[in-house]
């Protein structure tokens, strides 16, 4: 019998492999990215302490009627603003097992545009 993995199971396996290599510190915290069908979520984590330093999600834009890409751009802008308020300019990007295209790539490029280095 052939066991076939679902897309979600494959993504989770990729994420576990990535997490073995990526680690956030005080100087360069880890930006954990997650996307669902309707929303995107991002949080900046200091893995040394296990604390979330900053977070943002498209749920904060609930009253606005936006496309998925517009939600990603607005969420990236909110996160970049909060990072600058905390004095964080460098991060490690954890794409969460998602392939680097579409909304994931758009989010990362928008953050780079706004002055966050990774």
Protein backbone atom coordinates (compact mmCIF):
# COMPACT_ATOMS: atom_id res chain seq x y z
CA UNK A 1 0.00 0.00 0.00
CA UNK A 2 1.34 3.40 -0.96
CA UNK A 3 1.15 6.13 1.65
CA UNK A 4 0.70 9.49 0.01
CA UNK A 5 1.33 12.65 2.01
CA UNK A 6 -1.00 15.61 1.77
CA UNK A 7 0.27 19.07 0.88
CA UNK A 8 -0.03 20.13 4.51
CA UNK A 9 2.00 17.15 5.76
CA UNK A 10 4.71 17.86 3.17
CA UNK A 11 4.83 21.52 4.23
CA UNK A 12 5.12 20.56 7.90
CA UNK A 13 8.02 18.20 7.11
CA UNK A 14 9.80 20.94 5.16
CA UNK A 15 9.22 23.35 8.04
CA UNK A 16 10.75 20.92 10.55
CA UNK A 17 13.86 20.57 8.39
CA UNK A 18 14.15 24.34 8.07
CA UNK A 19 13.69 24.88 11.83
CA UNK A 20 16.63 22.60 12.58
CA UNK A 21 18.87 25.08 10.75
CA UNK A 22 17.24 28.46 11.48
CA UNK A 23 17.45 30.06 14.90
CA UNK A 24 16.52 33.55 16.04
CA UNK A 25 18.66 35.49 18.50
CA UNK A 26 18.41 38.83 20.26
CA UNK A 27 20.40 40.54 17.48
CA UNK A 28 18.62 38.73 14.62
CA UNK A 29 15.23 37.35 15.69
CA UNK A 30 13.35 34.85 13.53
CA UNK A 31 10.37 36.02 11.51
CA UNK A 32 7.88 33.15 11.38
CA UNK A 33 5.48 33.43 8.43
CA UNK A 34 2.19 31.55 8.01
CA UNK A 35 -0.50 31.88 5.39
CA UNK A 36 -3.98 30.44 5.20
CA UNK A 37 -6.44 30.72 2.33
CA UNK A 38 -7.69 34.11 3.51
CA UNK A 39 -5.11 35.55 5.91
CA UNK A 40 -1.39 35.88 6.59
CA UNK A 41 0.29 35.89 9.99
CA UNK A 42 3.82 36.91 10.95
CA UNK A 43 5.59 37.01 14.27
CA UNK A 44 9.14 37.89 15.19
CA UNK A 45 10.53 35.47 17.77
CA UNK A 46 13.61 35.45 19.99
CA UNK A 47 14.34 31.70 20.18
CA UNK A 48 16.87 32.14 23.00
CA UNK A 49 14.09 33.19 25.38
CA UNK A 50 11.17 31.67 23.47
CA UNK A 51 9.40 35.05 23.36
CA UNK A 52 7.42 36.72 20.61
CA UNK A 53 8.75 40.25 20.20
CA UNK A 54 6.39 41.60 17.52
CA UNK A 55 3.46 40.20 15.59
CA UNK A 56 1.09 41.26 12.83
CA UNK A 57 -1.67 39.59 10.87
CA UNK A 58 -4.19 40.42 8.20
CA UNK A 59 -6.94 39.85 10.77
CA UNK A 60 -6.19 43.39 11.95
CA UNK A 61 -7.47 44.63 8.56
CA UNK A 62 -10.80 42.86 8.89
CA UNK A 63 -13.06 45.81 8.06
CA UNK A 64 -11.29 46.55 4.79
CA UNK A 65 -12.23 44.61 1.66
CA UNK A 66 -8.87 43.67 0.13
CA UNK A 67 -7.42 41.00 -2.13
CA UNK A 68 -4.96 38.49 -0.68
CA UNK A 69 -1.96 40.32 -2.15
CA UNK A 70 -3.14 43.66 -0.77
CA UNK A 71 -3.53 42.04 2.67
CA UNK A 72 0.05 40.74 2.45
CA UNK A 73 1.41 44.19 1.57
CA UNK A 74 -0.52 45.95 4.36
CA UNK A 75 0.51 43.30 6.92
CA UNK A 76 4.18 43.68 5.89
CA UNK A 77 3.90 47.46 6.30
CA UNK A 78 2.38 47.07 9.79
CA UNK A 79 5.09 44.58 10.81
CA UNK A 80 7.92 46.76 9.45
CA UNK A 81 6.59 49.75 11.38
CA UNK A 82 6.42 47.74 14.62
CA UNK A 83 9.92 46.33 14.06
CA UNK A 84 11.34 49.82 13.60
CA UNK A 85 9.60 50.99 16.78
CA UNK A 86 11.35 48.15 18.67
CA UNK A 87 14.67 48.97 17.00
CA UNK A 88 14.93 45.70 15.06
CA UNK A 89 16.44 46.06 11.58
CA UNK A 90 17.81 42.55 10.92
CA UNK A 91 15.85 39.31 11.02
CA UNK A 92 16.06 35.68 9.91
CA UNK A 93 13.18 34.80 7.55
CA UNK A 94 11.42 31.50 8.31
CA UNK A 95 9.05 30.83 5.43
CA UNK A 96 7.28 28.09 7.38
CA UNK A 97 7.76 25.36 4.78
CA UNK A 98 5.93 27.38 2.13
CA UNK A 99 7.66 27.66 -1.25
CA UNK A 100 9.25 31.04 -1.91
CA UNK A 101 6.75 32.34 -4.46
CA UNK A 102 3.46 34.18 -4.53
CA UNK A 103 2.37 35.71 -1.21
CA UNK A 104 5.45 34.44 0.66
CA UNK A 105 7.81 36.12 -1.81
CA UNK A 106 5.68 39.29 -1.91
CA UNK A 107 5.78 39.54 1.90
CA UNK A 108 9.57 39.12 2.03
CA UNK A 109 10.22 41.60 -0.79
CA UNK A 110 7.93 44.22 0.77
CA UNK A 111 9.80 43.93 4.09
CA UNK A 112 13.12 44.36 2.28
CA UNK A 113 11.69 47.42 0.50
CA UNK A 114 10.74 48.89 3.88
CA UNK A 115 14.31 48.57 5.21
CA UNK A 116 14.32 45.23 7.06
CA UNK A 117 17.43 43.17 6.26
CA UNK A 118 17.56 39.37 6.04
